[in-house]
Amino acid sequence: MAQTPSIPPFIESNESEYRDSGIPSTVAIAKHPLHPLLVTFPIAFLSGAAGADLGYLLTHDPFWARAAIWLIGAGFVSGLVAAVAGMSDFLRIDRVRKRSAGWIHMTGNIAAMALTLVNWLLRWNNVEGAILPIGLIISTIVASLLAVTGWFGAELIYRHKISVIGDSSRYEP
């Protein structure tokens, strides 16, 4: 039988998790987990905001400044919705809290949301003026954080079989 690779220190593997059926999400419709679906929106919006900031840097066209503030706002609001589903799984599934991937995913996303709120508030009454340089820097950091936390979210799903259609217990001995 195939064995799962273990690449320490951040990527953990557990043979029993690899072989079990997986743990269903605590927030699902017809057993379909919602968190992996919901995260696509803030990832797209906030990555797009970094792109819009770059567009503003290159062109100084106010369109890109307006696009960025809307993308940041939509990213923050949709990120809060995704966070509710993710936090439910984090708090109610033991396996999530027992893996470094769960902690990295959660703390990185909290940091990304906090930075997004700061970025949004900085631009609220200064849409164009707040972009260079601080807005662009924050947007780039947030997009980078989301790439890292997305990797670890995928680790939880594919390596640790969390938020999949399965019948394993959420509570581990």
C-alpha atoms as a PDB file:
ATOM      1  CA  MET A   1       0.000   0.000   0.000  1.00  0.00           C
ATOM      2  CA  ALA A   2       1.087   3.541  -0.655  1.00  0.00           C
ATOM      3  CA  GLN A   3       2.375   5.531   2.275  1.00  0.00           C
ATOM      4  CA  THR A   4       1.874   9.221   2.744  1.00  0.00           C
ATOM      5  CA  PRO A   5       4.993  11.359   2.679  1.00  0.00           C
ATOM      6  CA  SER A   6       5.875  13.280   5.831  1.00  0.00           C
ATOM      7  CA  ILE A   7       7.733  16.528   5.255  1.00  0.00           C
ATOM      8  CA  PRO A   8       8.486  18.169   8.617  1.00  0.00           C
ATOM      9  CA  PRO A   9       8.173  20.602  10.277  1.00  0.00           C
ATOM     10  CA  PHE A  10       5.049  22.241   8.835  1.00  0.00           C
ATOM     11  CA  ILE A  11       3.537  19.446   6.794  1.00  0.00           C
ATOM     12  CA  GLU A  12       2.469  16.513   8.921  1.00  0.00           C
ATOM     13  CA  SER A  13       1.223  13.149   7.756  1.00  0.00           C
ATOM     14  CA  ASN A  14      -0.601  10.509   9.701  1.00  0.00           C
ATOM     15  CA  GLU A  15      -1.088   7.086   8.159  1.00  0.00           C
ATOM     16  CA  SER A  16      -4.385   6.494   9.979  1.00  0.00           C
ATOM     17  CA  GLU A  17      -5.800   9.764   8.620  1.00  0.00           C
ATOM     18  CA  TYR A  18      -4.648   8.823   5.137  1.00  0.00           C
ATOM     19  CA  ARG A  19      -6.622   5.574   5.346  1.00  0.00           C
ATOM     20  CA  ASP A  20      -9.793   6.740   7.092  1.00  0.00           C
ATOM     21  CA  SER A  21     -12.870   8.065   5.305  1.00  0.00           C
ATOM     22  CA  GLY A  22     -12.464  11.626   6.540  1.00  0.00           C
ATOM     23  CA  ILE A  23     -14.246  13.995   8.867  1.00  0.00           C
ATOM     24  CA  PRO A  24     -17.280  15.912   7.614  1.00  0.00           C
ATOM     25  CA  SER A  25     -17.424  19.671   8.059  1.00  0.00           C
ATOM     26  CA  THR A  26     -19.554  21.156  10.809  1.00  0.00           C
ATOM     27  CA  VAL A  27     -21.046  23.606   8.276  1.00  0.00           C
ATOM     28  CA  ALA A  28     -22.412  21.764   5.258  1.00  0.00           C
ATOM     29  CA  ILE A  29     -25.417  21.465   2.988  1.00  0.00           C
ATOM     30  CA  ALA A  30     -26.281  17.891   1.986  1.00  0.00           C
ATOM     31  CA  LYS A  31     -22.850  16.890   3.377  1.00  0.00           C
ATOM     32  CA  HIS A  32     -21.112  19.352   1.039  1.00  0.00           C
ATOM     33  CA  PRO A  33     -18.720  21.471   3.152  1.00  0.00           C
ATOM     34  CA  LEU A  34     -19.262  25.217   2.771  1.00  0.00           C
ATOM     35  CA  HIS A  35     -15.934  26.628   3.979  1.00  0.00           C
ATOM     36  CA  PRO A  36     -13.905  25.449   0.936  1.00  0.00           C
ATOM     37  CA  LEU A  37     -16.586  26.969  -1.308  1.00  0.00           C
ATOM     38  CA  LEU A  38     -16.839  30.265   0.569  1.00  0.00           C
ATOM     39  CA  VAL A  39     -13.090  30.985   0.665  1.00  0.00           C
ATOM     40  CA  THR A  40     -12.967  31.360  -3.113  1.00  0.00           C
ATOM     41  CA  PHE A  41     -14.643  34.767  -2.856  1.00  0.00           C
ATOM     42  CA  PRO A  42     -12.285  36.547  -0.439  1.00  0.00           C
ATOM     43  CA  ILE A  43      -9.274  34.969  -2.147  1.00  0.00           C
ATOM     44  CA  ALA A  44     -10.424  36.264  -5.534  1.00  0.00           C
ATOM     45  CA  PHE A  45     -11.433  39.702  -4.258  1.00  0.00           C
ATOM     46  CA  LEU A  46      -8.301  40.317  -2.191  1.00  0.00           C
ATOM     47  CA  SER A  47      -5.912  38.997  -4.836  1.00  0.00           C
ATOM     48  CA  GLY A  48      -7.758  41.197  -7.329  1.00  0.00           C
ATOM     49  CA  ALA A  49      -7.263  44.181  -5.009  1.00  0.00           C
ATOM     50  CA  ALA A  50      -3.498  43.649  -5.148  1.00  0.00           C
ATOM     51  CA  GLY A  51      -3.785  43.574  -8.941  1.00  0.00           C
ATOM     52  CA  ALA A  52      -5.879  46.754  -8.953  1.00  0.00           C
ATOM     53  CA  ASP A  53      -3.304  48.484  -6.758  1.00  0.00           C
ATOM     54  CA  LEU A  54      -0.619  47.432  -9.213  1.00  0.00           C
ATOM     55  CA  GLY A  55      -2.798  48.788 -12.048  1.00  0.00           C
ATOM     56  CA  TYR A  56      -3.019  52.105 -10.201  1.00  0.00           C
ATOM     57  CA  LEU A  57       0.762  52.162  -9.664  1.00  0.00           C
ATOM     58  CA  LEU A  58       1.349  51.668 -13.390  1.00  0.00           C
ATOM     59  CA  THR A  59      -1.332  54.017 -14.749  1.00  0.00           C
ATOM     60  CA  HIS A  60      -2.439  56.382 -11.950  1.00  0.00           C
ATOM     61  CA  ASP A  61      -5.945  55.913 -13.357  1.00  0.00           C
ATOM     62  CA  PRO A  62      -8.539  56.519 -10.580  1.00  0.00           C
ATOM     63  CA  PHE A  63     -10.548  53.568 -11.921  1.00  0.00           C
ATOM     64  CA  TRP A  64      -8.027  51.188 -10.340  1.00  0.00           C
ATOM     65  CA  ALA A  65      -8.258  52.983  -6.981  1.00  0.00           C
ATOM     66  CA  ARG A  66     -12.062  52.677  -6.989  1.00  0.00           C
ATOM     67  CA  ALA A  67     -11.865  49.045  -8.072  1.00  0.00           C
ATOM     68  CA  ALA A  68      -9.395  48.276  -5.283  1.00  0.00           C
ATOM     69  CA  ILE A  69     -11.515  49.743  -2.483  1.00  0.00           C
ATOM     70  CA  TRP A  70     -14.570  47.810  -3.673  1.00  0.00           C
ATOM     71  CA  LEU A  71     -12.555  44.592  -3.946  1.00  0.00           C
ATOM     72  CA  ILE A  72     -11.113  45.103  -0.463  1.00  0.00           C
ATOM     73  CA  GLY A  73     -14.575  45.732   0.992  1.00  0.00           C
ATOM     74  CA  ALA A  74     -16.059  42.704  -0.760  1.00  0.00           C
ATOM     75  CA  GLY A  75     -13.040  40.630   0.308  1.00  0.00           C
ATOM     76  CA  PHE A  76     -13.445  41.656   3.938  1.00  0.00           C
ATOM     77  CA  VAL A  77     -17.187  40.967   4.086  1.00  0.00           C
ATOM     78  CA  SER A  78     -16.959  37.638   2.249  1.00  0.00           C
ATOM     79  CA  GLY A  79     -13.915  36.759   4.370  1.00  0.00           C
ATOM     80  CA  LEU A  80     -15.990  37.188   7.530  1.00  0.00           C
ATOM     81  CA  VAL A  81     -18.603  34.779   6.143  1.00  0.00           C
ATOM     82  CA  ALA A  82     -15.917  32.220   5.253  1.00  0.00           C
ATOM     83  CA  ALA A  83     -14.311  32.711   8.671  1.00  0.00           C
ATOM     84  CA  VAL A  84     -17.518  31.751  10.484  1.00  0.00           C
ATOM     85  CA  ALA A  85     -17.623  28.395   8.677  1.00  0.00           C
ATOM     86  CA  GLY A  86     -13.890  27.827   9.125  1.00  0.00           C
ATOM     87  CA  MET A  87     -13.920  28.738  12.814  1.00  0.00           C
ATOM     88  CA  SER A  88     -16.790  26.318  13.396  1.00  0.00           C
ATOM     89  CA  ASP A  89     -14.646  23.496  12.005  1.00  0.00           C
ATOM     90  CA  PHE A  90     -11.591  24.687  13.943  1.00  0.00           C
ATOM     91  CA  LEU A  91     -13.449  24.738  17.251  1.00  0.00           C
ATOM     92  CA  ARG A  92     -15.529  21.582  16.778  1.00  0.00           C
ATOM     93  CA  ILE A  93     -13.130  19.168  15.027  1.00  0.00           C
ATOM     94  CA  ASP A  94     -10.298  17.913  17.222  1.00  0.00           C
ATOM     95  CA  ARG A  95      -8.085  16.906  14.308  1.00  0.00           C
ATOM     96  CA  VAL A  96      -7.913  20.507  13.037  1.00  0.00           C
ATOM     97  CA  ARG A  97      -6.547  21.831  16.322  1.00  0.00           C
ATOM     98  CA  LYS A  98      -4.072  18.940  16.628  1.00  0.00           C
ATOM     99  CA  ARG A  99      -2.332  19.778  13.339  1.00  0.00           C
ATOM    100  CA  SER A 100       0.067  22.652  12.723  1.00  0.00           C
ATOM    101  CA  ALA A 101      -1.690  23.174   9.377  1.00  0.00           C
ATOM    102  CA  GLY A 102      -4.882  24.089  11.259  1.00  0.00           C
ATOM    103  CA  TRP A 103      -3.128  26.665  13.416  1.00  0.00           C
ATOM    104  CA  ILE A 104      -1.152  28.187  10.534  1.00  0.00           C
ATOM    105  CA  HIS A 105      -4.308  28.350   8.404  1.00  0.00           C
ATOM    106  CA  MET A 106      -6.347  30.014  11.154  1.00  0.00           C
ATOM    107  CA  THR A 107      -3.771  32.522  12.435  1.00  0.00           C
ATOM    108  CA  GLY A 108      -2.679  33.487   8.928  1.00  0.00           C
ATOM    109  CA  ASN A 109      -6.255  34.147   7.896  1.00  0.00           C
ATOM    110  CA  ILE A 110      -6.938  36.215  11.007  1.00  0.00           C
ATOM    111  CA  ALA A 111      -3.842  38.284  10.179  1.00  0.00           C
ATOM    112  CA  ALA A 112      -5.013  38.664   6.562  1.00  0.00           C
ATOM    113  CA  MET A 113      -8.461  39.821   7.692  1.00  0.00           C
ATOM    114  CA  ALA A 114      -6.995  42.303  10.194  1.00  0.00           C
ATOM    115  CA  LEU A 115      -4.691  43.757   7.530  1.00  0.00           C
ATOM    116  CA  THR A 116      -7.606  43.906   5.094  1.00  0.00           C
ATOM    117  CA  LEU A 117      -9.676  45.891   7.577  1.00  0.00           C
ATOM    118  CA  VAL A 118      -6.769  48.314   8.134  1.00  0.00           C
ATOM    119  CA  ASN A 119      -6.314  48.654   4.359  1.00  0.00           C
ATOM    120  CA  TRP A 120     -10.020  49.325   3.856  1.00  0.00           C
ATOM    121  CA  LEU A 121     -10.174  51.925   6.630  1.00  0.00           C
ATOM    122  CA  LEU A 122      -7.056  53.712   5.347  1.00  0.00           C
ATOM    123  CA  ARG A 123      -8.720  54.142   1.955  1.00  0.00           C
ATOM    124  CA  TRP A 124     -12.203  55.033   3.211  1.00  0.00           C
ATOM    125  CA  ASN A 125     -11.799  58.820   2.844  1.00  0.00           C
ATOM    126  CA  ASN A 126      -8.640  58.772   0.728  1.00  0.00           C
ATOM    127  CA  VAL A 127      -9.278  56.278  -2.076  1.00  0.00           C
ATOM    128  CA  GLU A 128      -6.308  57.226  -4.278  1.00  0.00           C
ATOM    129  CA  GLY A 129      -3.952  58.720  -1.702  1.00  0.00           C
ATOM    130  CA  ALA A 130      -3.776  55.608   0.480  1.00  0.00           C
ATOM    131  CA  ILE A 131      -2.604  53.282  -2.281  1.00  0.00           C
ATOM    132  CA  LEU A 132       1.011  54.321  -2.681  1.00  0.00           C
ATOM    133  CA  PRO A 133       2.945  52.944  -0.982  1.00  0.00           C
ATOM    134  CA  ILE A 134       1.146  51.557   2.105  1.00  0.00           C
ATOM    135  CA  GLY A 135      -2.028  50.276   0.411  1.00  0.00           C
ATOM    136  CA  LEU A 136      -0.048  48.420  -2.235  1.00  0.00           C
ATOM    137  CA  ILE A 137       2.226  46.931   0.433  1.00  0.00           C
ATOM    138  CA  ILE A 138      -0.721  45.751   2.558  1.00  0.00           C
ATOM    139  CA  SER A 139      -2.549  44.313  -0.469  1.00  0.00           C
ATOM    140  CA  THR A 140       0.567  42.411  -1.520  1.00  0.00           C
ATOM    141  CA  ILE A 141       1.101  41.037   1.990  1.00  0.00           C
ATOM    142  CA  VAL A 142      -2.560  39.960   2.195  1.00  0.00           C
ATOM    143  CA  ALA A 143      -2.426  38.208  -1.203  1.00  0.00           C
ATOM    144  CA  SER A 144       0.783  36.445  -0.134  1.00  0.00           C
ATOM    145  CA  LEU A 145      -0.715  35.412   3.206  1.00  0.00           C
ATOM    146  CA  LEU A 146      -3.743  33.982   1.413  1.00  0.00           C
ATOM    147  CA  ALA A 147      -1.486  31.907  -0.833  1.00  0.00           C
ATOM    148  CA  VAL A 148       0.203  30.413   2.232  1.00  0.00           C
ATOM    149  CA  THR A 149      -2.990  29.874   4.226  1.00  0.00           C
ATOM    150  CA  GLY A 150      -4.677  28.398   1.161  1.00  0.00           C
ATOM    151  CA  TRP A 151      -1.874  25.835   0.937  1.00  0.00           C
ATOM    152  CA  PHE A 152      -2.391  24.843   4.562  1.00  0.00           C
ATOM    153  CA  GLY A 153      -6.168  24.748   4.115  1.00  0.00           C
ATOM    154  CA  ALA A 154      -5.622  22.285   1.283  1.00  0.00           C
ATOM    155  CA  GLU A 155      -3.327  20.280   3.585  1.00  0.00           C
ATOM    156  CA  LEU A 156      -6.225  19.961   6.022  1.00  0.00           C
ATOM    157  CA  ILE A 157      -8.551  18.732   3.303  1.00  0.00           C
ATOM    158  CA  TYR A 158      -6.316  16.482   1.224  1.00  0.00           C
ATOM    159  CA  ARG A 159      -3.716  15.214   3.696  1.00  0.00           C
ATOM    160  CA  HIS A 160      -5.757  15.151   6.915  1.00  0.00           C
ATOM    161  CA  LYS A 161      -9.185  14.534   5.329  1.00  0.00           C
ATOM    162  CA  ILE A 162     -11.010  17.291   7.185  1.00  0.00           C
ATOM    163  CA  SER A 163     -14.193  18.774   5.689  1.00  0.00           C
ATOM    164  CA  VAL A 164     -14.747  15.906   3.314  1.00  0.00           C
ATOM    165  CA  ILE A 165     -17.670  13.549   2.974  1.00  0.00           C
ATOM    166  CA  GLY A 166     -16.754  10.837   5.458  1.00  0.00           C
ATOM    167  CA  ASP A 167     -17.886   9.188   8.638  1.00  0.00           C
ATOM    168  CA  SER A 168     -14.931   9.532  11.002  1.00  0.00           C
ATOM    169  CA  SER A 169     -15.526  11.080  14.408  1.00  0.00           C
ATOM    170  CA  ARG A 170     -14.870  14.784  14.945  1.00  0.00           C
ATOM    171  CA  TYR A 171     -13.606  13.938  18.408  1.00  0.00           C
ATOM    172  CA  GLU A 172     -10.358  12.050  18.780  1.00  0.00           C
ATOM    173  CA  PRO A 173      -9.368  10.129  21.868  1.00  0.00           C
END
